[in-house]
């Protein structure tokens, strides 16, 4: 017997001993319980004796040492969710006859519907702003939304009671001044936008809607067009609704509600055009 065979043999024996010495007594205890309350107690005792709680603490402490507070909170949240589900089960069904399949289904549904706290805002957060104001330079990723030629640069001149020539002739007392005139505002547009472009430290993403309504189409901002030409960047087009025959659906995957909405859209498109929406890899499947 080679060393590899011996290693495999030892692993198989280890699994066999674990099932014999650990799982089988647990299953026999569950078979002898009279109600859900006793079953919950047996389950918690089994997990504790097997070191599940200790391992969760090890994972938490390891993540804290690595500075990953988000990862560190996950074991605690998972165990707390489990305990809350057991408490509710015992309160509602604790005195009824224990049914293992129903109990497992309730736990699975509870974990799927549980609410978990979000990543701490000190680690990751989304800030909505506009390009025409001073920005913080501590962002990792910046999304410039609506980067069309009508918004970058913003050609809308501010409306004033006096036009630019009248404002130049106006003499104000010392220490008082008027806002920038239209020409100066337009001259500062590239500076304001470029300052916004410099805010992220890792990625800068531009997006803009192609459809402008009334069969018109938007054009890419000249600022972005120059960046695209200089770095030879490829423009990516993403449709608002998926087609049934699309094979790459990663752009439509998000939250459960958003993903389900796109799945329904692909299903409707498949039904209306009699196109199969079943593909290999990442797929939408319609029936």
C-alpha atoms as a PDB file:
ATOM      1  CA  UNK A   1       0.000   0.000   0.000  1.00  0.00           C
ATOM      2  CA  UNK A   2       1.452   3.356  -1.031  1.00  0.00           C
ATOM      3  CA  UNK A   3       1.540   6.394   1.222  1.00  0.00           C
ATOM      4  CA  UNK A   4      -1.239   8.021  -0.830  1.00  0.00           C
ATOM      5  CA  UNK A   5      -3.422   4.930  -0.415  1.00  0.00           C
ATOM      6  CA  UNK A   6      -2.696   4.886   3.304  1.00  0.00           C
ATOM      7  CA  UNK A   7      -3.676   8.553   3.586  1.00  0.00           C
ATOM      8  CA  UNK A   8      -6.963   7.870   1.791  1.00  0.00           C
ATOM      9  CA  UNK A   9      -7.579   4.836   3.969  1.00  0.00           C
ATOM     10  CA  UNK A  10      -6.999   6.885   7.122  1.00  0.00           C
ATOM     11  CA  UNK A  11      -9.415   9.552   5.920  1.00  0.00           C
ATOM     12  CA  UNK A  12     -12.113   6.980   5.220  1.00  0.00           C
ATOM     13  CA  UNK A  13     -11.618   5.434   8.663  1.00  0.00           C
ATOM     14  CA  UNK A  14     -11.770   8.880  10.253  1.00  0.00           C
ATOM     15  CA  UNK A  15     -15.116   9.601   8.567  1.00  0.00           C
ATOM     16  CA  UNK A  16     -16.410   6.174   9.563  1.00  0.00           C
ATOM     17  CA  UNK A  17     -15.437   6.709  13.204  1.00  0.00           C
ATOM     18  CA  UNK A  18     -16.992  10.185  13.190  1.00  0.00           C
ATOM     19  CA  UNK A  19     -20.291   8.810  11.907  1.00  0.00           C
ATOM     20  CA  UNK A  20     -20.196   5.902  14.361  1.00  0.00           C
ATOM     21  CA  UNK A  21     -19.115   7.791  17.459  1.00  0.00           C
ATOM     22  CA  UNK A  22     -20.712  11.198  16.868  1.00  0.00           C
ATOM     23  CA  UNK A  23     -23.566  11.229  14.396  1.00  0.00           C
ATOM     24  CA  UNK A  24     -25.210   7.914  15.227  1.00  0.00           C
ATOM     25  CA  UNK A  25     -25.679   8.727  18.948  1.00  0.00           C
ATOM     26  CA  UNK A  26     -27.094  12.107  17.939  1.00  0.00           C
ATOM     27  CA  UNK A  27     -29.595  10.505  15.563  1.00  0.00           C
ATOM     28  CA  UNK A  28     -30.625   7.990  18.238  1.00  0.00           C
ATOM     29  CA  UNK A  29     -31.216  10.830  20.696  1.00  0.00           C
ATOM     30  CA  UNK A  30     -33.432  12.643  18.187  1.00  0.00           C
ATOM     31  CA  UNK A  31     -35.441   9.483  17.634  1.00  0.00           C
ATOM     32  CA  UNK A  32     -36.182   9.300  21.386  1.00  0.00           C
ATOM     33  CA  UNK A  33     -37.343  12.911  21.909  1.00  0.00           C
ATOM     34  CA  UNK A  34     -40.995  13.521  22.703  1.00  0.00           C
ATOM     35  CA  UNK A  35     -41.439  17.064  21.430  1.00  0.00           C
ATOM     36  CA  UNK A  36     -39.756  19.982  19.684  1.00  0.00           C
ATOM     37  CA  UNK A  37     -38.411  21.468  22.906  1.00  0.00           C
ATOM     38  CA  UNK A  38     -36.383  18.336  23.667  1.00  0.00           C
ATOM     39  CA  UNK A  39     -35.170  18.149  20.051  1.00  0.00           C
ATOM     40  CA  UNK A  40     -33.899  21.740  20.164  1.00  0.00           C
ATOM     41  CA  UNK A  41     -32.025  20.993  23.396  1.00  0.00           C
ATOM     42  CA  UNK A  42     -30.436  17.879  21.892  1.00  0.00           C
ATOM     43  CA  UNK A  43     -29.363  19.816  18.790  1.00  0.00           C
ATOM     44  CA  UNK A  44     -27.746  22.680  20.724  1.00  0.00           C
ATOM     45  CA  UNK A  45     -25.946  20.248  23.031  1.00  0.00           C
ATOM     46  CA  UNK A  46     -24.670  18.280  20.036  1.00  0.00           C
ATOM     47  CA  UNK A  47     -23.324  21.364  18.247  1.00  0.00           C
ATOM     48  CA  UNK A  48     -21.675  22.662  21.411  1.00  0.00           C
ATOM     49  CA  UNK A  49     -20.029  19.325  22.248  1.00  0.00           C
ATOM     50  CA  UNK A  50     -18.751  19.010  18.669  1.00  0.00           C
ATOM     51  CA  UNK A  51     -16.980  22.368  18.981  1.00  0.00           C
ATOM     52  CA  UNK A  52     -19.128  24.356  16.566  1.00  0.00           C
ATOM     53  CA  UNK A  53     -19.360  27.372  18.870  1.00  0.00           C
ATOM     54  CA  UNK A  54     -15.622  27.239  19.563  1.00  0.00           C
ATOM     55  CA  UNK A  55     -14.841  27.147  15.841  1.00  0.00           C
ATOM     56  CA  UNK A  56     -17.106  30.130  15.220  1.00  0.00           C
ATOM     57  CA  UNK A  57     -15.177  32.068  17.844  1.00  0.00           C
ATOM     58  CA  UNK A  58     -11.886  31.069  16.209  1.00  0.00           C
ATOM     59  CA  UNK A  59     -13.091  32.370  12.835  1.00  0.00           C
ATOM     60  CA  UNK A  60     -14.293  35.588  14.446  1.00  0.00           C
ATOM     61  CA  UNK A  61     -11.013  36.225  16.297  1.00  0.00           C
ATOM     62  CA  UNK A  62      -8.987  35.398  13.191  1.00  0.00           C
ATOM     63  CA  UNK A  63     -10.944  37.919  11.114  1.00  0.00           C
ATOM     64  CA  UNK A  64     -10.565  40.582  13.826  1.00  0.00           C
ATOM     65  CA  UNK A  65      -6.801  40.061  13.892  1.00  0.00           C
ATOM     66  CA  UNK A  66      -6.747  40.447  10.108  1.00  0.00           C
ATOM     67  CA  UNK A  67      -8.694  43.723  10.410  1.00  0.00           C
ATOM     68  CA  UNK A  68     -11.734  42.336   8.542  1.00  0.00           C
ATOM     69  CA  UNK A  69     -14.552  43.443  10.841  1.00  0.00           C
ATOM     70  CA  UNK A  70     -17.212  42.576   8.283  1.00  0.00           C
ATOM     71  CA  UNK A  71     -16.055  38.969   8.116  1.00  0.00           C
ATOM     72  CA  UNK A  72     -15.714  38.865  11.904  1.00  0.00           C
ATOM     73  CA  UNK A  73     -19.384  39.715  12.398  1.00  0.00           C
ATOM     74  CA  UNK A  74     -20.647  36.888  10.204  1.00  0.00           C
ATOM     75  CA  UNK A  75     -20.089  33.947  12.620  1.00  0.00           C
ATOM     76  CA  UNK A  76     -21.779  35.847  15.449  1.00  0.00           C
ATOM     77  CA  UNK A  77     -24.727  36.845  13.281  1.00  0.00           C
ATOM     78  CA  UNK A  78     -25.147  33.291  11.986  1.00  0.00           C
ATOM     79  CA  UNK A  79     -25.141  31.753  15.454  1.00  0.00           C
ATOM     80  CA  UNK A  80     -27.468  34.448  16.810  1.00  0.00           C
ATOM     81  CA  UNK A  81     -29.869  33.829  13.923  1.00  0.00           C
ATOM     82  CA  UNK A  82     -29.779  30.106  14.673  1.00  0.00           C
ATOM     83  CA  UNK A  83     -30.526  30.703  18.356  1.00  0.00           C
ATOM     84  CA  UNK A  84     -33.385  33.076  17.519  1.00  0.00           C
ATOM     85  CA  UNK A  85     -34.914  30.506  15.178  1.00  0.00           C
ATOM     86  CA  UNK A  86     -34.717  27.837  17.867  1.00  0.00           C
ATOM     87  CA  UNK A  87     -36.298  30.163  20.427  1.00  0.00           C
ATOM     88  CA  UNK A  88     -39.210  30.892  18.104  1.00  0.00           C
ATOM     89  CA  UNK A  89     -39.578  27.210  17.263  1.00  0.00           C
ATOM     90  CA  UNK A  90     -39.672  26.201  20.929  1.00  0.00           C
ATOM     91  CA  UNK A  91     -42.121  28.985  21.758  1.00  0.00           C
ATOM     92  CA  UNK A  92     -44.552  28.080  18.978  1.00  0.00           C
ATOM     93  CA  UNK A  93     -44.042  24.360  18.359  1.00  0.00           C
ATOM     94  CA  UNK A  94     -42.004  23.268  21.359  1.00  0.00           C
ATOM     95  CA  UNK A  95     -44.782  21.184  22.919  1.00  0.00           C
ATOM     96  CA  UNK A  96     -45.817  19.432  19.721  1.00  0.00           C
ATOM     97  CA  UNK A  97     -44.558  16.090  18.433  1.00  0.00           C
ATOM     98  CA  UNK A  98     -41.142  16.523  16.822  1.00  0.00           C
ATOM     99  CA  UNK A  99     -40.971  16.037  13.053  1.00  0.00           C
ATOM    100  CA  UNK A 100     -37.423  16.136  11.681  1.00  0.00           C
ATOM    101  CA  UNK A 101     -38.206  17.044   8.008  1.00  0.00           C
ATOM    102  CA  UNK A 102     -40.501  19.886   9.074  1.00  0.00           C
ATOM    103  CA  UNK A 103     -37.934  21.096  11.592  1.00  0.00           C
ATOM    104  CA  UNK A 104     -35.201  21.172   8.922  1.00  0.00           C
ATOM    105  CA  UNK A 105     -37.484  22.991   6.473  1.00  0.00           C
ATOM    106  CA  UNK A 106     -38.287  25.627   9.111  1.00  0.00           C
ATOM    107  CA  UNK A 107     -34.589  26.209   9.816  1.00  0.00           C
ATOM    108  CA  UNK A 108     -33.745  26.557   6.121  1.00  0.00           C
ATOM    109  CA  UNK A 109     -36.611  28.977   5.536  1.00  0.00           C
ATOM    110  CA  UNK A 110     -35.612  30.955   8.612  1.00  0.00           C
ATOM    111  CA  UNK A 111     -32.010  31.356   7.493  1.00  0.00           C
ATOM    112  CA  UNK A 112     -33.093  32.398   3.991  1.00  0.00           C
ATOM    113  CA  UNK A 113     -35.483  35.026   5.325  1.00  0.00           C
ATOM    114  CA  UNK A 114     -33.286  36.302   8.136  1.00  0.00           C
ATOM    115  CA  UNK A 115     -31.997  39.869   8.174  1.00  0.00           C
ATOM    116  CA  UNK A 116     -28.278  40.356   8.599  1.00  0.00           C
ATOM    117  CA  UNK A 117     -26.597  43.630   9.414  1.00  0.00           C
ATOM    118  CA  UNK A 118     -24.827  45.368   6.571  1.00  0.00           C
ATOM    119  CA  UNK A 119     -21.123  46.009   6.230  1.00  0.00           C
ATOM    120  CA  UNK A 120     -20.147  48.747   8.713  1.00  0.00           C
ATOM    121  CA  UNK A 121     -20.192  52.163   7.083  1.00  0.00           C
ATOM    122  CA  UNK A 122     -16.652  52.765   8.297  1.00  0.00           C
ATOM    123  CA  UNK A 123     -15.493  50.024   5.932  1.00  0.00           C
ATOM    124  CA  UNK A 124     -17.721  50.393   2.914  1.00  0.00           C
ATOM    125  CA  UNK A 125     -20.395  52.915   2.015  1.00  0.00           C
ATOM    126  CA  UNK A 126     -22.062  54.505  -0.982  1.00  0.00           C
ATOM    127  CA  UNK A 127     -22.058  58.293  -1.164  1.00  0.00           C
ATOM    128  CA  UNK A 128     -24.232  60.095  -3.727  1.00  0.00           C
ATOM    129  CA  UNK A 129     -22.928  63.459  -4.844  1.00  0.00           C
ATOM    130  CA  UNK A 130     -22.603  65.638  -7.941  1.00  0.00           C
ATOM    131  CA  UNK A 131     -19.587  66.489 -10.025  1.00  0.00           C
ATOM    132  CA  UNK A 132     -20.051  70.226  -9.667  1.00  0.00           C
ATOM    133  CA  UNK A 133     -18.896  70.412  -6.051  1.00  0.00           C
ATOM    134  CA  UNK A 134     -15.672  69.684  -4.190  1.00  0.00           C
ATOM    135  CA  UNK A 135     -15.230  65.944  -3.611  1.00  0.00           C
ATOM    136  CA  UNK A 136     -13.429  63.869  -0.997  1.00  0.00           C
ATOM    137  CA  UNK A 137     -10.409  61.960  -2.295  1.00  0.00           C
ATOM    138  CA  UNK A 138     -10.830  58.855  -0.121  1.00  0.00           C
ATOM    139  CA  UNK A 139     -13.037  56.838  -2.496  1.00  0.00           C
ATOM    140  CA  UNK A 140     -11.995  53.488  -3.906  1.00  0.00           C
ATOM    141  CA  UNK A 141     -14.525  53.410  -6.757  1.00  0.00           C
ATOM    142  CA  UNK A 142     -16.412  56.267  -8.383  1.00  0.00           C
ATOM    143  CA  UNK A 143     -19.391  55.851 -10.724  1.00  0.00           C
ATOM    144  CA  UNK A 144     -20.013  58.831 -12.999  1.00  0.00           C
ATOM    145  CA  UNK A 145     -23.671  58.364 -13.958  1.00  0.00           C
ATOM    146  CA  UNK A 146     -25.229  60.217 -16.881  1.00  0.00           C
ATOM    147  CA  UNK A 147     -21.955  61.105 -18.645  1.00  0.00           C
ATOM    148  CA  UNK A 148     -23.579  62.609 -21.739  1.00  0.00           C
ATOM    149  CA  UNK A 149     -22.519  65.577 -23.815  1.00  0.00           C
ATOM    150  CA  UNK A 150     -25.403  67.583 -22.311  1.00  0.00           C
ATOM    151  CA  UNK A 151     -24.268  67.153 -18.705  1.00  0.00           C
ATOM    152  CA  UNK A 152     -20.469  67.025 -19.207  1.00  0.00           C
ATOM    153  CA  UNK A 153     -19.959  69.867 -19.780  1.00  0.00           C
ATOM    154  CA  UNK A 154     -23.049  71.483 -18.362  1.00  0.00           C
ATOM    155  CA  UNK A 155     -23.921  74.118 -20.935  1.00  0.00           C
ATOM    156  CA  UNK A 156     -26.817  75.586 -18.928  1.00  0.00           C
ATOM    157  CA  UNK A 157     -25.939  79.163 -18.055  1.00  0.00           C
ATOM    158  CA  UNK A 158     -27.074  80.544 -14.708  1.00  0.00           C
ATOM    159  CA  UNK A 159     -29.996  82.974 -14.972  1.00  0.00           C
ATOM    160  CA  UNK A 160     -29.412  86.411 -13.475  1.00  0.00           C
ATOM    161  CA  UNK A 161     -31.346  89.648 -13.422  1.00  0.00           C
ATOM    162  CA  UNK A 162     -28.332  91.368 -15.015  1.00  0.00           C
ATOM    163  CA  UNK A 163     -26.481  90.025 -18.033  1.00  0.00           C
ATOM    164  CA  UNK A 164     -22.698  89.601 -18.054  1.00  0.00           C
ATOM    165  CA  UNK A 165     -22.008  93.054 -19.555  1.00  0.00           C
ATOM    166  CA  UNK A 166     -24.199  94.803 -17.006  1.00  0.00           C
ATOM    167  CA  UNK A 167     -22.540  92.895 -14.180  1.00  0.00           C
ATOM    168  CA  UNK A 168     -19.103  94.050 -15.371  1.00  0.00           C
ATOM    169  CA  UNK A 169     -20.200  97.690 -15.254  1.00  0.00           C
ATOM    170  CA  UNK A 170     -21.684  97.357 -11.790  1.00  0.00           C
ATOM    171  CA  UNK A 171     -19.545  98.841  -8.980  1.00  0.00           C
ATOM    172  CA  UNK A 172     -20.008  97.142  -5.618  1.00  0.00           C
ATOM    173  CA  UNK A 173     -18.919  98.303  -2.143  1.00  0.00           C
ATOM    174  CA  UNK A 174     -15.691  96.869  -0.814  1.00  0.00           C
ATOM    175  CA  UNK A 175     -16.026  93.304   0.415  1.00  0.00           C
ATOM    176  CA  UNK A 176     -19.112  92.524  -1.654  1.00  0.00           C
ATOM    177  CA  UNK A 177     -19.148  90.621  -4.918  1.00  0.00           C
ATOM    178  CA  UNK A 178     -21.424  88.846  -7.359  1.00  0.00           C
ATOM    179  CA  UNK A 179     -21.326  85.216  -8.368  1.00  0.00           C
ATOM    180  CA  UNK A 180     -19.336  84.039 -11.378  1.00  0.00           C
ATOM    181  CA  UNK A 181     -20.632  85.101 -14.753  1.00  0.00           C
ATOM    182  CA  UNK A 182     -21.665  82.618 -17.443  1.00  0.00           C
ATOM    183  CA  UNK A 183     -18.338  82.559 -19.291  1.00  0.00           C
ATOM    184  CA  UNK A 184     -16.328  81.941 -16.147  1.00  0.00           C
ATOM    185  CA  UNK A 185     -18.768  79.199 -15.099  1.00  0.00           C
ATOM    186  CA  UNK A 186     -18.339  77.395 -18.420  1.00  0.00           C
ATOM    187  CA  UNK A 187     -14.575  77.751 -18.241  1.00  0.00           C
ATOM    188  CA  UNK A 188     -14.548  76.031 -14.873  1.00  0.00           C
ATOM    189  CA  UNK A 189     -16.598  73.046 -16.050  1.00  0.00           C
ATOM    190  CA  UNK A 190     -13.622  70.925 -17.206  1.00  0.00           C
ATOM    191  CA  UNK A 191     -11.789  71.584 -13.951  1.00  0.00           C
ATOM    192  CA  UNK A 192     -14.763  70.538 -11.798  1.00  0.00           C
ATOM    193  CA  UNK A 193     -15.298  67.346 -13.796  1.00  0.00           C
ATOM    194  CA  UNK A 194     -11.629  66.396 -13.862  1.00  0.00           C
ATOM    195  CA  UNK A 195     -11.463  66.883 -10.092  1.00  0.00           C
ATOM    196  CA  UNK A 196     -14.362  64.427  -9.783  1.00  0.00           C
ATOM    197  CA  UNK A 197     -12.553  61.984 -12.081  1.00  0.00           C
ATOM    198  CA  UNK A 198      -9.563  62.009  -9.730  1.00  0.00           C
ATOM    199  CA  UNK A 199     -11.513  61.010  -6.603  1.00  0.00           C
ATOM    200  CA  UNK A 200     -11.219  57.183  -6.809  1.00  0.00           C
ATOM    201  CA  UNK A 201      -8.042  55.314  -5.949  1.00  0.00           C
ATOM    202  CA  UNK A 202      -8.897  52.058  -7.760  1.00  0.00           C
ATOM    203  CA  UNK A 203     -11.612  52.309 -10.420  1.00  0.00           C
ATOM    204  CA  UNK A 204     -13.467  55.020 -12.339  1.00  0.00           C
ATOM    205  CA  UNK A 205     -16.623  53.903 -14.144  1.00  0.00           C
ATOM    206  CA  UNK A 206     -18.625  56.051 -16.577  1.00  0.00           C
ATOM    207  CA  UNK A 207     -22.176  55.275 -17.646  1.00  0.00           C
ATOM    208  CA  UNK A 208     -24.813  57.064 -19.664  1.00  0.00           C
ATOM    209  CA  UNK A 209     -28.232  56.220 -21.158  1.00  0.00           C
ATOM    210  CA  UNK A 210     -28.247  55.708 -24.921  1.00  0.00           C
ATOM    211  CA  UNK A 211     -31.941  56.470 -25.343  1.00  0.00           C
ATOM    212  CA  UNK A 212     -32.821  60.124 -24.842  1.00  0.00           C
ATOM    213  CA  UNK A 213     -36.524  59.694 -25.584  1.00  0.00           C
ATOM    214  CA  UNK A 214     -38.530  60.671 -28.696  1.00  0.00           C
ATOM    215  CA  UNK A 215     -36.356  58.351 -30.825  1.00  0.00           C
ATOM    216  CA  UNK A 216     -33.308  60.481 -30.012  1.00  0.00           C
ATOM    217  CA  UNK A 217     -30.008  59.169 -28.716  1.00  0.00           C
ATOM    218  CA  UNK A 218     -27.573  60.620 -26.226  1.00  0.00           C
ATOM    219  CA  UNK A 219     -23.937  61.141 -27.112  1.00  0.00           C
ATOM    220  CA  UNK A 220     -20.970  60.376 -24.889  1.00  0.00           C
ATOM    221  CA  UNK A 221     -19.424  63.313 -23.057  1.00  0.00           C
ATOM    222  CA  UNK A 222     -16.408  64.765 -24.905  1.00  0.00           C
ATOM    223  CA  UNK A 223     -14.450  64.524 -21.643  1.00  0.00           C
ATOM    224  CA  UNK A 224     -15.051  60.794 -21.469  1.00  0.00           C
ATOM    225  CA  UNK A 225     -14.549  60.368 -25.207  1.00  0.00           C
ATOM    226  CA  UNK A 226     -11.045  61.822 -24.906  1.00  0.00           C
ATOM    227  CA  UNK A 227     -10.250  59.474 -22.008  1.00  0.00           C
ATOM    228  CA  UNK A 228     -11.586  56.523 -23.987  1.00  0.00           C
ATOM    229  CA  UNK A 229      -9.494  57.427 -27.031  1.00  0.00           C
ATOM    230  CA  UNK A 230      -6.317  58.053 -25.039  1.00  0.00           C
ATOM    231  CA  UNK A 231      -6.437  54.724 -23.169  1.00  0.00           C
ATOM    232  CA  UNK A 232      -8.001  52.797 -26.064  1.00  0.00           C
ATOM    233  CA  UNK A 233     -10.907  51.667 -23.875  1.00  0.00           C
ATOM    234  CA  UNK A 234     -13.704  49.479 -25.175  1.00  0.00           C
ATOM    235  CA  UNK A 235     -17.239  50.746 -24.725  1.00  0.00           C
ATOM    236  CA  UNK A 236     -19.594  48.238 -23.094  1.00  0.00           C
ATOM    237  CA  UNK A 237     -23.302  48.320 -23.916  1.00  0.00           C
ATOM    238  CA  UNK A 238     -25.761  46.828 -21.412  1.00  0.00           C
ATOM    239  CA  UNK A 239     -29.448  46.626 -22.199  1.00  0.00           C
ATOM    240  CA  UNK A 240     -32.046  47.505 -19.608  1.00  0.00           C
ATOM    241  CA  UNK A 241     -33.892  44.220 -20.094  1.00  0.00           C
ATOM    242  CA  UNK A 242     -32.332  40.830 -20.909  1.00  0.00           C
ATOM    243  CA  UNK A 243     -33.064  38.937 -24.089  1.00  0.00           C
ATOM    244  CA  UNK A 244     -34.027  35.285 -23.862  1.00  0.00           C
ATOM    245  CA  UNK A 245     -31.032  34.134 -25.938  1.00  0.00           C
ATOM    246  CA  UNK A 246     -28.396  36.026 -23.951  1.00  0.00           C
ATOM    247  CA  UNK A 247     -25.728  33.781 -22.441  1.00  0.00           C
ATOM    248  CA  UNK A 248     -23.986  36.309 -20.181  1.00  0.00           C
ATOM    249  CA  UNK A 249     -26.445  37.410 -17.504  1.00  0.00           C
ATOM    250  CA  UNK A 250     -23.976  38.685 -14.914  1.00  0.00           C
ATOM    251  CA  UNK A 251     -25.022  42.307 -15.550  1.00  0.00           C
ATOM    252  CA  UNK A 252     -28.597  41.446 -14.555  1.00  0.00           C
ATOM    253  CA  UNK A 253     -27.741  39.667 -11.301  1.00  0.00           C
ATOM    254  CA  UNK A 254     -28.201  41.683  -8.127  1.00  0.00           C
ATOM    255  CA  UNK A 255     -30.597  41.492  -5.215  1.00  0.00           C
ATOM    256  CA  UNK A 256     -33.246  38.787  -5.157  1.00  0.00           C
ATOM    257  CA  UNK A 257     -35.996  41.204  -6.162  1.00  0.00           C
ATOM    258  CA  UNK A 258     -34.016  42.806  -9.007  1.00  0.00           C
ATOM    259  CA  UNK A 259     -32.790  39.468 -10.347  1.00  0.00           C
ATOM    260  CA  UNK A 260     -36.299  38.012 -10.244  1.00  0.00           C
ATOM    261  CA  UNK A 261     -37.602  40.995 -12.219  1.00  0.00           C
ATOM    262  CA  UNK A 262     -35.014  40.385 -14.962  1.00  0.00           C
ATOM    263  CA  UNK A 263     -35.811  36.668 -14.911  1.00  0.00           C
ATOM    264  CA  UNK A 264     -39.476  37.435 -15.534  1.00  0.00           C
ATOM    265  CA  UNK A 265     -38.495  39.787 -18.379  1.00  0.00           C
ATOM    266  CA  UNK A 266     -36.365  37.077 -20.010  1.00  0.00           C
ATOM    267  CA  UNK A 267     -39.190  34.567 -19.545  1.00  0.00           C
ATOM    268  CA  UNK A 268     -41.709  36.909 -21.186  1.00  0.00           C
ATOM    269  CA  UNK A 269     -39.322  37.570 -24.081  1.00  0.00           C
ATOM    270  CA  UNK A 270     -38.840  33.821 -24.532  1.00  0.00           C
ATOM    271  CA  UNK A 271     -42.583  33.244 -24.615  1.00  0.00           C
ATOM    272  CA  UNK A 272     -43.363  36.154 -26.940  1.00  0.00           C
ATOM    273  CA  UNK A 273     -40.657  35.363 -29.481  1.00  0.00           C
ATOM    274  CA  UNK A 274     -40.608  31.558 -28.950  1.00  0.00           C
ATOM    275  CA  UNK A 275     -36.907  31.668 -28.133  1.00  0.00           C
ATOM    276  CA  UNK A 276     -35.291  29.231 -25.698  1.00  0.00           C
ATOM    277  CA  UNK A 277     -33.649  30.964 -22.751  1.00  0.00           C
ATOM    278  CA  UNK A 278     -31.767  27.920 -21.440  1.00  0.00           C
ATOM    279  CA  UNK A 279     -27.974  28.157 -21.834  1.00  0.00           C
ATOM    280  CA  UNK A 280     -24.903  26.670 -20.375  1.00  0.00           C
ATOM    281  CA  UNK A 281     -23.012  28.499 -17.629  1.00  0.00           C
ATOM    282  CA  UNK A 282     -24.732  31.483 -16.072  1.00  0.00           C
ATOM    283  CA  UNK A 283     -28.319  31.136 -17.245  1.00  0.00           C
ATOM    284  CA  UNK A 284     -31.843  32.331 -17.006  1.00  0.00           C
ATOM    285  CA  UNK A 285     -34.187  29.354 -17.261  1.00  0.00           C
ATOM    286  CA  UNK A 286     -37.750  29.889 -18.415  1.00  0.00           C
ATOM    287  CA  UNK A 287     -40.617  27.429 -18.243  1.00  0.00           C
END
